[in-house]
């Protein structure tokens, strides 16, 4: 049994224990694998719609048309977005901060972009 177990990602309890290949929290009953990051990703990397690892400063392409509140046109599929910034714990799953020409500053989900 390992001495330095990570705290529970759900409730931050320090009383986690190993049960086979899983880590378990006795306070909230959350179970997870030790290799899973706190945000649920296996290696902590943010991946695009096809599985490529994204990094700060990358250029991505939007893979599906998106509706934008307050703009009747929206963002069309194929729009290139340059110089993205990755954020963890974004609002409602939005993990990319960027500026899109004609729209301004926006947040996107990594599941709707592809690395260019």
PDB file of N, CA and C in Angstrom:
ATOM      1  N   UNK A   1       0.840  -1.190   0.000  1.00  0.00           N
ATOM      2  CA  UNK A   1       0.000   0.000   0.000  1.00  0.00           C
ATOM      3  C   UNK A   1       0.878   1.244   0.000  1.00  0.00           C
ATOM      4  N   UNK A   2       0.531   2.194  -0.838  1.00  0.00           N
ATOM      5  CA  UNK A   2       1.323   3.401  -0.978  1.00  0.00           C
ATOM      6  C   UNK A   2       1.057   4.357   0.182  1.00  0.00           C
ATOM      7  N   UNK A   3       2.101   5.052   0.607  1.00  0.00           N
ATOM      8  CA  UNK A   3       1.966   5.986   1.721  1.00  0.00           C
ATOM      9  C   UNK A   3       1.379   7.328   1.281  1.00  0.00           C
ATOM     10  N   UNK A   4       1.690   7.766   0.076  1.00  0.00           N
ATOM     11  CA  UNK A   4       1.260   9.073  -0.398  1.00  0.00           C
ATOM     12  C   UNK A   4       0.133   8.941  -1.407  1.00  0.00           C
ATOM     13  N   UNK A   5      -1.056   8.708  -0.938  1.00  0.00           N
ATOM     14  CA  UNK A   5      -2.207   8.617  -1.824  1.00  0.00           C
ATOM     15  C   UNK A   5      -2.785  10.008  -2.035  1.00  0.00           C
ATOM     16  N   UNK A   6      -3.264  10.301  -3.249  1.00  0.00           N
ATOM     17  CA  UNK A   6      -3.839  11.621  -3.513  1.00  0.00           C
ATOM     18  C   UNK A   6      -5.182  11.777  -2.812  1.00  0.00           C
ATOM     19  N   UNK A   7      -5.579  13.013  -2.521  1.00  0.00           N
ATOM     20  CA  UNK A   7      -6.903  13.225  -1.917  1.00  0.00           C
ATOM     21  C   UNK A   7      -8.007  12.935  -2.923  1.00  0.00           C
ATOM     22  N   UNK A   8      -9.197  12.751  -2.448  1.00  0.00           N
ATOM     23  CA  UNK A   8     -10.348  12.461  -3.291  1.00  0.00           C
ATOM     24  C   UNK A   8     -10.614  13.649  -4.227  1.00  0.00           C
ATOM     25  N   UNK A   9     -10.777  13.413  -5.540  1.00  0.00           N
ATOM     26  CA  UNK A   9     -11.056  14.517  -6.453  1.00  0.00           C
ATOM     27  C   UNK A   9     -12.468  15.084  -6.300  1.00  0.00           C
ATOM     28  N   UNK A  10     -13.362  14.354  -5.664  1.00  0.00           N
ATOM     29  CA  UNK A  10     -14.745  14.819  -5.482  1.00  0.00           C
ATOM     30  C   UNK A  10     -14.905  15.694  -4.243  1.00  0.00           C
ATOM     31  N   UNK A  11     -14.417  15.184  -3.077  1.00  0.00           N
ATOM     32  CA  UNK A  11     -14.659  15.895  -1.824  1.00  0.00           C
ATOM     33  C   UNK A  11     -13.382  16.345  -1.125  1.00  0.00           C
ATOM     34  N   UNK A  12     -12.215  16.070  -1.709  1.00  0.00           N
ATOM     35  CA  UNK A  12     -10.904  16.458  -1.178  1.00  0.00           C
ATOM     36  C   UNK A  12     -10.548  15.794   0.146  1.00  0.00           C
ATOM     37  N   UNK A  13     -11.160  14.681   0.441  1.00  0.00           N
ATOM     38  CA  UNK A  13     -10.852  13.954   1.671  1.00  0.00           C
ATOM     39  C   UNK A  13      -9.456  13.348   1.576  1.00  0.00           C
ATOM     40  N   UNK A  14      -8.713  13.406   2.672  1.00  0.00           N
ATOM     41  CA  UNK A  14      -7.355  12.858   2.701  1.00  0.00           C
ATOM     42  C   UNK A  14      -7.342  11.388   3.100  1.00  0.00           C
ATOM     43  N   UNK A  15      -8.489  10.801   3.384  1.00  0.00           N
ATOM     44  CA  UNK A  15      -8.565   9.434   3.892  1.00  0.00           C
ATOM     45  C   UNK A  15      -8.804   8.400   2.797  1.00  0.00           C
ATOM     46  N   UNK A  16      -8.206   8.579   1.634  1.00  0.00           N
ATOM     47  CA  UNK A  16      -8.385   7.630   0.538  1.00  0.00           C
ATOM     48  C   UNK A  16      -7.610   6.350   0.811  1.00  0.00           C
ATOM     49  N   UNK A  17      -8.067   5.269   0.202  1.00  0.00           N
ATOM     50  CA  UNK A  17      -7.369   3.991   0.341  1.00  0.00           C
ATOM     51  C   UNK A  17      -7.451   3.227  -0.971  1.00  0.00           C
ATOM     52  N   UNK A  18      -6.545   2.247  -1.114  1.00  0.00           N
ATOM     53  CA  UNK A  18      -6.503   1.430  -2.319  1.00  0.00           C
ATOM     54  C   UNK A  18      -7.378   0.202  -2.151  1.00  0.00           C
ATOM     55  N   UNK A  19      -8.087  -0.144  -3.232  1.00  0.00           N
ATOM     56  CA  UNK A  19      -8.876  -1.375  -3.255  1.00  0.00           C
ATOM     57  C   UNK A  19      -8.642  -1.999  -4.632  1.00  0.00           C
ATOM     58  N   UNK A  20      -7.690  -2.901  -4.704  1.00  0.00           N
ATOM     59  CA  UNK A  20      -7.308  -3.465  -5.989  1.00  0.00           C
ATOM     60  C   UNK A  20      -6.634  -2.399  -6.828  1.00  0.00           C
ATOM     61  N   UNK A  21      -7.138  -2.179  -8.036  1.00  0.00           N
ATOM     62  CA  UNK A  21      -6.565  -1.184  -8.935  1.00  0.00           C
ATOM     63  C   UNK A  21      -7.191   0.194  -8.756  1.00  0.00           C
ATOM     64  N   UNK A  22      -8.156   0.324  -7.851  1.00  0.00           N
ATOM     65  CA  UNK A  22      -8.873   1.587  -7.659  1.00  0.00           C
ATOM     66  C   UNK A  22      -8.450   2.288  -6.385  1.00  0.00           C
ATOM     67  N   UNK A  23      -8.662   3.586  -6.356  1.00  0.00           N
ATOM     68  CA  UNK A  23      -8.575   4.359  -5.122  1.00  0.00           C
ATOM     69  C   UNK A  23     -10.011   4.666  -4.711  1.00  0.00           C
ATOM     70  N   UNK A  24     -10.281   4.624  -3.402  1.00  0.00           N
ATOM     71  CA  UNK A  24     -11.646   4.789  -2.893  1.00  0.00           C
ATOM     72  C   UNK A  24     -11.646   5.832  -1.791  1.00  0.00           C
ATOM     73  N   UNK A  25     -12.678   6.650  -1.768  1.00  0.00           N
ATOM     74  CA  UNK A  25     -12.877   7.628  -0.708  1.00  0.00           C
ATOM     75  C   UNK A  25     -13.926   7.083   0.257  1.00  0.00           C
ATOM     76  N   UNK A  26     -13.598   6.930   1.538  1.00  0.00           N
ATOM     77  CA  UNK A  26     -14.576   6.407   2.480  1.00  0.00           C
ATOM     78  C   UNK A  26     -15.673   7.411   2.852  1.00  0.00           C
ATOM     79  N   UNK A  27     -15.449   8.687   2.589  1.00  0.00           N
ATOM     80  CA  UNK A  27     -16.424   9.702   2.980  1.00  0.00           C
ATOM     81  C   UNK A  27     -17.532   9.903   1.947  1.00  0.00           C
ATOM     82  N   UNK A  28     -17.175   9.893   0.652  1.00  0.00           N
ATOM     83  CA  UNK A  28     -18.200  10.126  -0.378  1.00  0.00           C
ATOM     84  C   UNK A  28     -18.398   8.909  -1.288  1.00  0.00           C
ATOM     85  N   UNK A  29     -17.621   7.849  -1.079  1.00  0.00           N
ATOM     86  CA  UNK A  29     -17.711   6.597  -1.832  1.00  0.00           C
ATOM     87  C   UNK A  29     -17.309   6.754  -3.302  1.00  0.00           C
ATOM     88  N   UNK A  30     -16.548   7.779  -3.627  1.00  0.00           N
ATOM     89  CA  UNK A  30     -16.064   7.976  -5.003  1.00  0.00           C
ATOM     90  C   UNK A  30     -14.924   7.002  -5.260  1.00  0.00           C
ATOM     91  N   UNK A  31     -14.925   6.366  -6.452  1.00  0.00           N
ATOM     92  CA  UNK A  31     -13.867   5.450  -6.859  1.00  0.00           C
ATOM     93  C   UNK A  31     -13.221   5.973  -8.134  1.00  0.00           C
ATOM     94  N   UNK A  32     -11.894   5.886  -8.236  1.00  0.00           N
ATOM     95  CA  UNK A  32     -11.188   6.321  -9.420  1.00  0.00           C
ATOM     96  C   UNK A  32      -9.882   5.554  -9.547  1.00  0.00           C
ATOM     97  N   UNK A  33      -9.298   5.574 -10.755  1.00  0.00           N
ATOM     98  CA  UNK A  33      -8.019   4.917 -10.969  1.00  0.00           C
ATOM     99  C   UNK A  33      -6.913   5.909 -10.653  1.00  0.00           C
ATOM    100  N   UNK A  34      -5.784   5.443 -10.147  1.00  0.00           N
ATOM    101  CA  UNK A  34      -4.702   6.367  -9.784  1.00  0.00           C
ATOM    102  C   UNK A  34      -4.172   7.166 -10.967  1.00  0.00           C
ATOM    103  N   UNK A  35      -4.255   6.635 -12.189  1.00  0.00           N
ATOM    104  CA  UNK A  35      -3.730   7.352 -13.345  1.00  0.00           C
ATOM    105  C   UNK A  35      -4.666   8.434 -13.857  1.00  0.00           C
ATOM    106  N   UNK A  36      -5.918   8.448 -13.381  1.00  0.00           N
ATOM    107  CA  UNK A  36      -6.877   9.449 -13.830  1.00  0.00           C
ATOM    108  C   UNK A  36      -6.614  10.770 -13.123  1.00  0.00           C
ATOM    109  N   UNK A  37      -6.531  11.836 -13.887  1.00  0.00           N
ATOM    110  CA  UNK A  37      -6.310  13.154 -13.313  1.00  0.00           C
ATOM    111  C   UNK A  37      -7.585  13.648 -12.652  1.00  0.00           C
ATOM    112  N   UNK A  38      -7.475  14.747 -11.920  1.00  0.00           N
ATOM    113  CA  UNK A  38      -8.625  15.291 -11.206  1.00  0.00           C
ATOM    114  C   UNK A  38      -9.741  15.721 -12.145  1.00  0.00           C
ATOM    115  N   UNK A  39      -9.415  16.081 -13.394  1.00  0.00           N
ATOM    116  CA  UNK A  39     -10.447  16.501 -14.341  1.00  0.00           C
ATOM    117  C   UNK A  39     -11.004  15.334 -15.140  1.00  0.00           C
ATOM    118  N   UNK A  40     -10.608  14.103 -14.806  1.00  0.00           N
ATOM    119  CA  UNK A  40     -11.169  12.935 -15.454  1.00  0.00           C
ATOM    120  C   UNK A  40     -10.416  12.473 -16.685  1.00  0.00           C
ATOM    121  N   UNK A  41      -9.370  13.165 -17.070  1.00  0.00           N
ATOM    122  CA  UNK A  41      -8.607  12.760 -18.234  1.00  0.00           C
ATOM    123  C   UNK A  41      -7.491  11.827 -17.794  1.00  0.00           C
ATOM    124  N   UNK A  42      -7.194  10.841 -18.603  1.00  0.00           N
ATOM    125  CA  UNK A  42      -6.206   9.825 -18.248  1.00  0.00           C
ATOM    126  C   UNK A  42      -4.831  10.419 -17.970  1.00  0.00           C
ATOM    127  N   UNK A  43      -4.337  11.293 -18.832  1.00  0.00           N
ATOM    128  CA  UNK A  43      -2.995  11.822 -18.648  1.00  0.00           C
ATOM    129  C   UNK A  43      -3.003  13.313 -18.317  1.00  0.00           C
ATOM    130  N   UNK A  44      -4.164  13.892 -18.103  1.00  0.00           N
ATOM    131  CA  UNK A  44      -4.279  15.305 -17.776  1.00  0.00           C
ATOM    132  C   UNK A  44      -4.248  16.205 -18.991  1.00  0.00           C
ATOM    133  N   UNK A  45      -4.066  15.644 -20.183  1.00  0.00           N
ATOM    134  CA  UNK A  45      -3.974  16.443 -21.397  1.00  0.00           C
ATOM    135  C   UNK A  45      -5.371  16.768 -21.928  1.00  0.00           C
ATOM    136  N   UNK A  46      -5.486  17.922 -22.532  1.00  0.00           N
ATOM    137  CA  UNK A  46      -6.736  18.308 -23.187  1.00  0.00           C
ATOM    138  C   UNK A  46      -6.610  17.898 -24.641  1.00  0.00           C
ATOM    139  N   UNK A  47      -7.586  17.131 -25.130  1.00  0.00           N
ATOM    140  CA  UNK A  47      -7.536  16.587 -26.488  1.00  0.00           C
ATOM    141  C   UNK A  47      -8.658  17.172 -27.342  1.00  0.00           C
ATOM    142  N   UNK A  48      -8.397  17.255 -28.647  1.00  0.00           N
ATOM    143  CA  UNK A  48      -9.399  17.767 -29.576  1.00  0.00           C
ATOM    144  C   UNK A  48     -10.397  16.670 -29.943  1.00  0.00           C
ATOM    145  N   UNK A  49     -11.255  16.944 -30.906  1.00  0.00           N
ATOM    146  CA  UNK A  49     -12.329  16.022 -31.282  1.00  0.00           C
ATOM    147  C   UNK A  49     -11.821  14.701 -31.839  1.00  0.00           C
ATOM    148  N   UNK A  50     -10.615  14.675 -32.387  1.00  0.00           N
ATOM    149  CA  UNK A  50     -10.079  13.435 -32.956  1.00  0.00           C
ATOM    150  C   UNK A  50      -8.992  12.809 -32.095  1.00  0.00           C
ATOM    151  N   UNK A  51      -8.709  13.381 -30.935  1.00  0.00           N
ATOM    152  CA  UNK A  51      -7.770  12.782 -29.996  1.00  0.00           C
ATOM    153  C   UNK A  51      -6.380  13.374 -29.969  1.00  0.00           C
ATOM    154  N   UNK A  52      -6.107  14.414 -30.732  1.00  0.00           N
ATOM    155  CA  UNK A  52      -4.795  15.067 -30.696  1.00  0.00           C
ATOM    156  C   UNK A  52      -4.666  15.899 -29.424  1.00  0.00           C
ATOM    157  N   UNK A  53      -3.482  15.893 -28.828  1.00  0.00           N
ATOM    158  CA  UNK A  53      -3.233  16.680 -27.619  1.00  0.00           C
ATOM    159  C   UNK A  53      -3.077  18.144 -28.003  1.00  0.00           C
ATOM    160  N   UNK A  54      -3.794  19.019 -27.311  1.00  0.00           N
ATOM    161  CA  UNK A  54      -3.727  20.457 -27.566  1.00  0.00           C
ATOM    162  C   UNK A  54      -2.768  21.121 -26.585  1.00  0.00           C
ATOM    163  N   UNK A  55      -2.173  22.233 -27.014  1.00  0.00           N
ATOM    164  CA  UNK A  55      -1.264  23.000 -26.168  1.00  0.00           C
ATOM    165  C   UNK A  55      -1.556  24.486 -26.353  1.00  0.00           C
ATOM    166  N   UNK A  56      -1.110  25.298 -25.401  1.00  0.00           N
ATOM    167  CA  UNK A  56      -1.269  26.744 -25.522  1.00  0.00           C
ATOM    168  C   UNK A  56      -0.579  27.237 -26.789  1.00  0.00           C
ATOM    169  N   UNK A  57      -1.237  28.151 -27.512  1.00  0.00           N
ATOM    170  CA  UNK A  57      -0.667  28.723 -28.720  1.00  0.00           C
ATOM    171  C   UNK A  57      -0.981  27.967 -29.996  1.00  0.00           C
ATOM    172  N   UNK A  58      -1.638  26.814 -29.891  1.00  0.00           N
ATOM    173  CA  UNK A  58      -1.988  26.037 -31.079  1.00  0.00           C
ATOM    174  C   UNK A  58      -3.025  26.757 -31.928  1.00  0.00           C
ATOM    175  N   UNK A  59      -3.101  26.350 -33.196  1.00  0.00           N
ATOM    176  CA  UNK A  59      -4.150  26.793 -34.101  1.00  0.00           C
ATOM    177  C   UNK A  59      -5.101  25.620 -34.295  1.00  0.00           C
ATOM    178  N   UNK A  60      -6.397  25.880 -34.149  1.00  0.00           N
ATOM    179  CA  UNK A  60      -7.398  24.825 -34.288  1.00  0.00           C
ATOM    180  C   UNK A  60      -8.455  25.246 -35.305  1.00  0.00           C
ATOM    181  N   UNK A  61      -9.202  24.262 -35.781  1.00  0.00           N
ATOM    182  CA  UNK A  61     -10.298  24.497 -36.711  1.00  0.00           C
ATOM    183  C   UNK A  61     -11.579  24.001 -36.077  1.00  0.00           C
ATOM    184  N   UNK A  62     -12.636  24.790 -36.154  1.00  0.00           N
ATOM    185  CA  UNK A  62     -13.940  24.390 -35.619  1.00  0.00           C
ATOM    186  C   UNK A  62     -14.511  23.314 -36.537  1.00  0.00           C
ATOM    187  N   UNK A  63     -14.957  22.177 -35.973  1.00  0.00           N
ATOM    188  CA  UNK A  63     -15.413  21.055 -36.799  1.00  0.00           C
ATOM    189  C   UNK A  63     -16.917  21.024 -37.016  1.00  0.00           C
ATOM    190  N   UNK A  64     -17.679  21.795 -36.256  1.00  0.00           N
ATOM    191  CA  UNK A  64     -19.117  21.854 -36.500  1.00  0.00           C
ATOM    192  C   UNK A  64     -19.614  23.267 -36.253  1.00  0.00           C
ATOM    193  N   UNK A  65     -20.667  23.644 -36.943  1.00  0.00           N
ATOM    194  CA  UNK A  65     -21.213  24.989 -36.803  1.00  0.00           C
ATOM    195  C   UNK A  65     -21.749  25.191 -35.392  1.00  0.00           C
ATOM    196  N   UNK A  66     -21.472  26.373 -34.831  1.00  0.00           N
ATOM    197  CA  UNK A  66     -21.871  26.671 -33.465  1.00  0.00           C
ATOM    198  C   UNK A  66     -22.770  27.889 -33.431  1.00  0.00           C
ATOM    199  N   UNK A  67     -23.821  27.824 -32.651  1.00  0.00           N
ATOM    200  CA  UNK A  67     -24.678  28.979 -32.440  1.00  0.00           C
ATOM    201  C   UNK A  67     -24.034  29.864 -31.388  1.00  0.00           C
ATOM    202  N   UNK A  68     -24.105  31.165 -31.612  1.00  0.00           N
ATOM    203  CA  UNK A  68     -23.550  32.120 -30.667  1.00  0.00           C
ATOM    204  C   UNK A  68     -24.680  33.027 -30.211  1.00  0.00           C
ATOM    205  N   UNK A  69     -24.880  33.075 -28.918  1.00  0.00           N
ATOM    206  CA  UNK A  69     -25.948  33.897 -28.362  1.00  0.00           C
ATOM    207  C   UNK A  69     -25.701  35.367 -28.733  1.00  0.00           C
ATOM    208  N   UNK A  70     -26.709  36.015 -29.276  1.00  0.00           N
ATOM    209  CA  UNK A  70     -26.602  37.412 -29.651  1.00  0.00           C
ATOM    210  C   UNK A  70     -26.072  37.641 -31.054  1.00  0.00           C
ATOM    211  N   UNK A  71     -25.780  36.565 -31.782  1.00  0.00           N
ATOM    212  CA  UNK A  71     -25.289  36.705 -33.150  1.00  0.00           C
ATOM    213  C   UNK A  71     -26.058  35.729 -34.031  1.00  0.00           C
ATOM    214  N   UNK A  72     -26.792  36.224 -35.015  1.00  0.00           N
ATOM    215  CA  UNK A  72     -27.620  35.335 -35.823  1.00  0.00           C
ATOM    216  C   UNK A  72     -26.818  34.383 -36.718  1.00  0.00           C
ATOM    217  N   UNK A  73     -25.595  34.746 -37.093  1.00  0.00           N
ATOM    218  CA  UNK A  73     -24.822  33.914 -38.013  1.00  0.00           C
ATOM    219  C   UNK A  73     -24.143  32.739 -37.316  1.00  0.00           C
ATOM    220  N   UNK A  74     -23.580  32.953 -36.157  1.00  0.00           N
ATOM    221  CA  UNK A  74     -22.856  31.893 -35.458  1.00  0.00           C
ATOM    222  C   UNK A  74     -21.478  31.680 -36.040  1.00  0.00           C
ATOM    223  N   UNK A  75     -20.815  30.622 -35.598  1.00  0.00           N
ATOM    224  CA  UNK A  75     -19.479  30.273 -36.077  1.00  0.00           C
ATOM    225  C   UNK A  75     -19.617  29.080 -37.003  1.00  0.00           C
ATOM    226  N   UNK A  76     -19.125  29.215 -38.222  1.00  0.00           N
ATOM    227  CA  UNK A  76     -19.264  28.157 -39.219  1.00  0.00           C
ATOM    228  C   UNK A  76     -18.177  27.107 -39.040  1.00  0.00           C
ATOM    229  N   UNK A  77     -18.494  25.882 -39.415  1.00  0.00           N
ATOM    230  CA  UNK A  77     -17.502  24.804 -39.418  1.00  0.00           C
ATOM    231  C   UNK A  77     -16.375  25.190 -40.369  1.00  0.00           C
ATOM    232  N   UNK A  78     -15.150  24.925 -39.981  1.00  0.00           N
ATOM    233  CA  UNK A  78     -13.999  25.275 -40.804  1.00  0.00           C
ATOM    234  C   UNK A  78     -13.331  26.570 -40.399  1.00  0.00           C
ATOM    235  N   UNK A  79     -13.905  27.296 -39.453  1.00  0.00           N
ATOM    236  CA  UNK A  79     -13.302  28.544 -38.990  1.00  0.00           C
ATOM    237  C   UNK A  79     -12.010  28.247 -38.244  1.00  0.00           C
ATOM    238  N   UNK A  80     -10.920  28.921 -38.622  1.00  0.00           N
ATOM    239  CA  UNK A  80      -9.637  28.735 -37.940  1.00  0.00           C
ATOM    240  C   UNK A  80      -9.552  29.669 -36.751  1.00  0.00           C
ATOM    241  N   UNK A  81      -9.050  29.120 -35.653  1.00  0.00           N
ATOM    242  CA  UNK A  81      -8.857  29.894 -34.431  1.00  0.00           C
ATOM    243  C   UNK A  81      -7.382  29.793 -34.084  1.00  0.00           C
ATOM    244  N   UNK A  82      -6.705  30.932 -34.023  1.00  0.00           N
ATOM    245  CA  UNK A  82      -5.267  30.949 -33.762  1.00  0.00           C
ATOM    246  C   UNK A  82      -4.980  31.299 -32.304  1.00  0.00           C
ATOM    247  N   UNK A  83      -3.837  30.812 -31.838  1.00  0.00           N
ATOM    248  CA  UNK A  83      -3.303  31.175 -30.533  1.00  0.00           C
ATOM    249  C   UNK A  83      -4.288  30.900 -29.390  1.00  0.00           C
ATOM    250  N   UNK A  84      -4.690  29.637 -29.245  1.00  0.00           N
ATOM    251  CA  UNK A  84      -5.623  29.285 -28.177  1.00  0.00           C
ATOM    252  C   UNK A  84      -4.900  29.243 -26.836  1.00  0.00           C
ATOM    253  N   UNK A  85      -5.679  29.354 -25.770  1.00  0.00           N
ATOM    254  CA  UNK A  85      -5.148  29.228 -24.414  1.00  0.00           C
ATOM    255  C   UNK A  85      -6.006  28.204 -23.694  1.00  0.00           C
ATOM    256  N   UNK A  86      -5.371  27.189 -23.119  1.00  0.00           N
ATOM    257  CA  UNK A  86      -6.094  26.137 -22.418  1.00  0.00           C
ATOM    258  C   UNK A  86      -6.336  26.534 -20.974  1.00  0.00           C
ATOM    259  N   UNK A  87      -7.539  26.262 -20.500  1.00  0.00           N
ATOM    260  CA  UNK A  87      -7.890  26.552 -19.109  1.00  0.00           C
ATOM    261  C   UNK A  87      -8.487  25.291 -18.496  1.00  0.00           C
ATOM    262  N   UNK A  88      -8.138  25.023 -17.265  1.00  0.00           N
ATOM    263  CA  UNK A  88      -8.727  23.872 -16.587  1.00  0.00           C
ATOM    264  C   UNK A  88      -9.877  24.361 -15.718  1.00  0.00           C
ATOM    265  N   UNK A  89     -10.890  23.561 -15.598  1.00  0.00           N
ATOM    266  CA  UNK A  89     -12.038  23.944 -14.784  1.00  0.00           C
ATOM    267  C   UNK A  89     -12.861  25.043 -15.411  1.00  0.00           C
ATOM    268  N   UNK A  90     -12.935  25.054 -16.715  1.00  0.00           N
ATOM    269  CA  UNK A  90     -13.722  26.066 -17.402  1.00  0.00           C
ATOM    270  C   UNK A  90     -15.214  25.892 -17.134  1.00  0.00           C
ATOM    271  N   UNK A  91     -15.973  26.914 -17.410  1.00  0.00           N
ATOM    272  CA  UNK A  91     -17.404  26.893 -17.166  1.00  0.00           C
ATOM    273  C   UNK A  91     -18.089  25.912 -18.110  1.00  0.00           C
ATOM    274  N   UNK A  92     -18.808  24.969 -17.573  1.00  0.00           N
ATOM    275  CA  UNK A  92     -19.645  24.055 -18.349  1.00  0.00           C
ATOM    276  C   UNK A  92     -18.869  23.260 -19.397  1.00  0.00           C
ATOM    277  N   UNK A  93     -17.626  22.881 -19.085  1.00  0.00           N
ATOM    278  CA  UNK A  93     -16.848  22.066 -20.003  1.00  0.00           C
ATOM    279  C   UNK A  93     -16.063  22.841 -21.042  1.00  0.00           C
ATOM    280  N   UNK A  94     -16.116  24.151 -21.007  1.00  0.00           N
ATOM    281  CA  UNK A  94     -15.372  24.972 -21.966  1.00  0.00           C
ATOM    282  C   UNK A  94     -13.932  25.070 -21.465  1.00  0.00           C
ATOM    283  N   UNK A  95     -12.992  24.473 -22.201  1.00  0.00           N
ATOM    284  CA  UNK A  95     -11.617  24.430 -21.734  1.00  0.00           C
ATOM    285  C   UNK A  95     -10.632  25.151 -22.648  1.00  0.00           C
ATOM    286  N   UNK A  96     -11.143  25.956 -23.575  1.00  0.00           N
ATOM    287  CA  UNK A  96     -10.286  26.739 -24.473  1.00  0.00           C
ATOM    288  C   UNK A  96     -10.735  28.197 -24.438  1.00  0.00           C
ATOM    289  N   UNK A  97      -9.791  29.102 -24.160  1.00  0.00           N
ATOM    290  CA  UNK A  97     -10.023  30.545 -24.300  1.00  0.00           C
ATOM    291  C   UNK A  97      -9.391  30.978 -25.603  1.00  0.00           C
ATOM    292  N   UNK A  98     -10.103  31.809 -26.371  1.00  0.00           N
ATOM    293  CA  UNK A  98      -9.559  32.237 -27.655  1.00  0.00           C
ATOM    294  C   UNK A  98     -10.233  33.520 -28.108  1.00  0.00           C
ATOM    295  N   UNK A  99      -9.691  34.085 -29.183  1.00  0.00           N
ATOM    296  CA  UNK A  99     -10.307  35.223 -29.856  1.00  0.00           C
ATOM    297  C   UNK A  99     -10.610  34.786 -31.272  1.00  0.00           C
ATOM    298  N   UNK A 100     -11.866  34.980 -31.683  1.00  0.00           N
ATOM    299  CA  UNK A 100     -12.269  34.622 -33.038  1.00  0.00           C
ATOM    300  C   UNK A 100     -12.566  35.905 -33.789  1.00  0.00           C
ATOM    301  N   UNK A 101     -11.969  36.033 -34.980  1.00  0.00           N
ATOM    302  CA  UNK A 101     -12.181  37.235 -35.793  1.00  0.00           C
ATOM    303  C   UNK A 101     -13.665  37.414 -36.071  1.00  0.00           C
ATOM    304  N   UNK A 102     -14.172  38.607 -35.803  1.00  0.00           N
ATOM    305  CA  UNK A 102     -15.571  38.916 -36.040  1.00  0.00           C
ATOM    306  C   UNK A 102     -16.466  38.625 -34.838  1.00  0.00           C
ATOM    307  N   UNK A 103     -15.953  37.902 -33.830  1.00  0.00           N
ATOM    308  CA  UNK A 103     -16.743  37.569 -32.647  1.00  0.00           C
ATOM    309  C   UNK A 103     -16.115  38.085 -31.366  1.00  0.00           C
ATOM    310  N   UNK A 104     -14.796  38.109 -31.290  1.00  0.00           N
ATOM    311  CA  UNK A 104     -14.097  38.556 -30.092  1.00  0.00           C
ATOM    312  C   UNK A 104     -13.719  37.387 -29.197  1.00  0.00           C
ATOM    313  N   UNK A 105     -13.542  37.684 -27.921  1.00  0.00           N
ATOM    314  CA  UNK A 105     -13.112  36.672 -26.961  1.00  0.00           C
ATOM    315  C   UNK A 105     -14.235  35.669 -26.719  1.00  0.00           C
ATOM    316  N   UNK A 106     -13.875  34.381 -26.734  1.00  0.00           N
ATOM    317  CA  UNK A 106     -14.855  33.313 -26.544  1.00  0.00           C
ATOM    318  C   UNK A 106     -14.219  32.160 -25.794  1.00  0.00           C
ATOM    319  N   UNK A 107     -15.066  31.278 -25.319  1.00  0.00           N
ATOM    320  CA  UNK A 107     -14.623  30.013 -24.757  1.00  0.00           C
ATOM    321  C   UNK A 107     -15.223  28.898 -25.598  1.00  0.00           C
ATOM    322  N   UNK A 108     -14.419  27.876 -25.897  1.00  0.00           N
ATOM    323  CA  UNK A 108     -14.866  26.742 -26.692  1.00  0.00           C
ATOM    324  C   UNK A 108     -14.605  25.451 -25.948  1.00  0.00           C
ATOM    325  N   UNK A 109     -15.333  24.421 -26.329  1.00  0.00           N
ATOM    326  CA  UNK A 109     -15.070  23.083 -25.817  1.00  0.00           C
ATOM    327  C   UNK A 109     -14.069  22.409 -26.757  1.00  0.00           C
ATOM    328  N   UNK A 110     -13.173  21.632 -26.184  1.00  0.00           N
ATOM    329  CA  UNK A 110     -12.170  20.968 -27.013  1.00  0.00           C
ATOM    330  C   UNK A 110     -12.819  19.914 -27.917  1.00  0.00           C
ATOM    331  N   UNK A 111     -14.021  19.468 -27.599  1.00  0.00           N
ATOM    332  CA  UNK A 111     -14.691  18.450 -28.393  1.00  0.00           C
ATOM    333  C   UNK A 111     -15.237  18.991 -29.713  1.00  0.00           C
ATOM    334  N   UNK A 112     -15.209  20.297 -29.941  1.00  0.00           N
ATOM    335  CA  UNK A 112     -15.733  20.859 -31.194  1.00  0.00           C
ATOM    336  C   UNK A 112     -14.637  21.465 -32.055  1.00  0.00           C
ATOM    337  N   UNK A 113     -13.363  21.196 -31.718  1.00  0.00           N
ATOM    338  CA  UNK A 113     -12.256  21.709 -32.513  1.00  0.00           C
ATOM    339  C   UNK A 113     -11.317  20.585 -32.917  1.00  0.00           C
ATOM    340  N   UNK A 114     -10.547  20.832 -33.971  1.00  0.00           N
ATOM    341  CA  UNK A 114      -9.545  19.885 -34.439  1.00  0.00           C
ATOM    342  C   UNK A 114      -8.251  20.657 -34.632  1.00  0.00           C
ATOM    343  N   UNK A 115      -7.139  20.092 -34.189  1.00  0.00           N
ATOM    344  CA  UNK A 115      -5.843  20.735 -34.323  1.00  0.00           C
ATOM    345  C   UNK A 115      -5.509  20.926 -35.803  1.00  0.00           C
ATOM    346  N   UNK A 116      -5.099  22.133 -36.156  1.00  0.00           N
ATOM    347  CA  UNK A 116      -4.801  22.420 -37.581  1.00  0.00           C
ATOM    348  C   UNK A 116      -3.365  22.096 -37.921  1.00  0.00           C
TER     349      UNK A 116
END
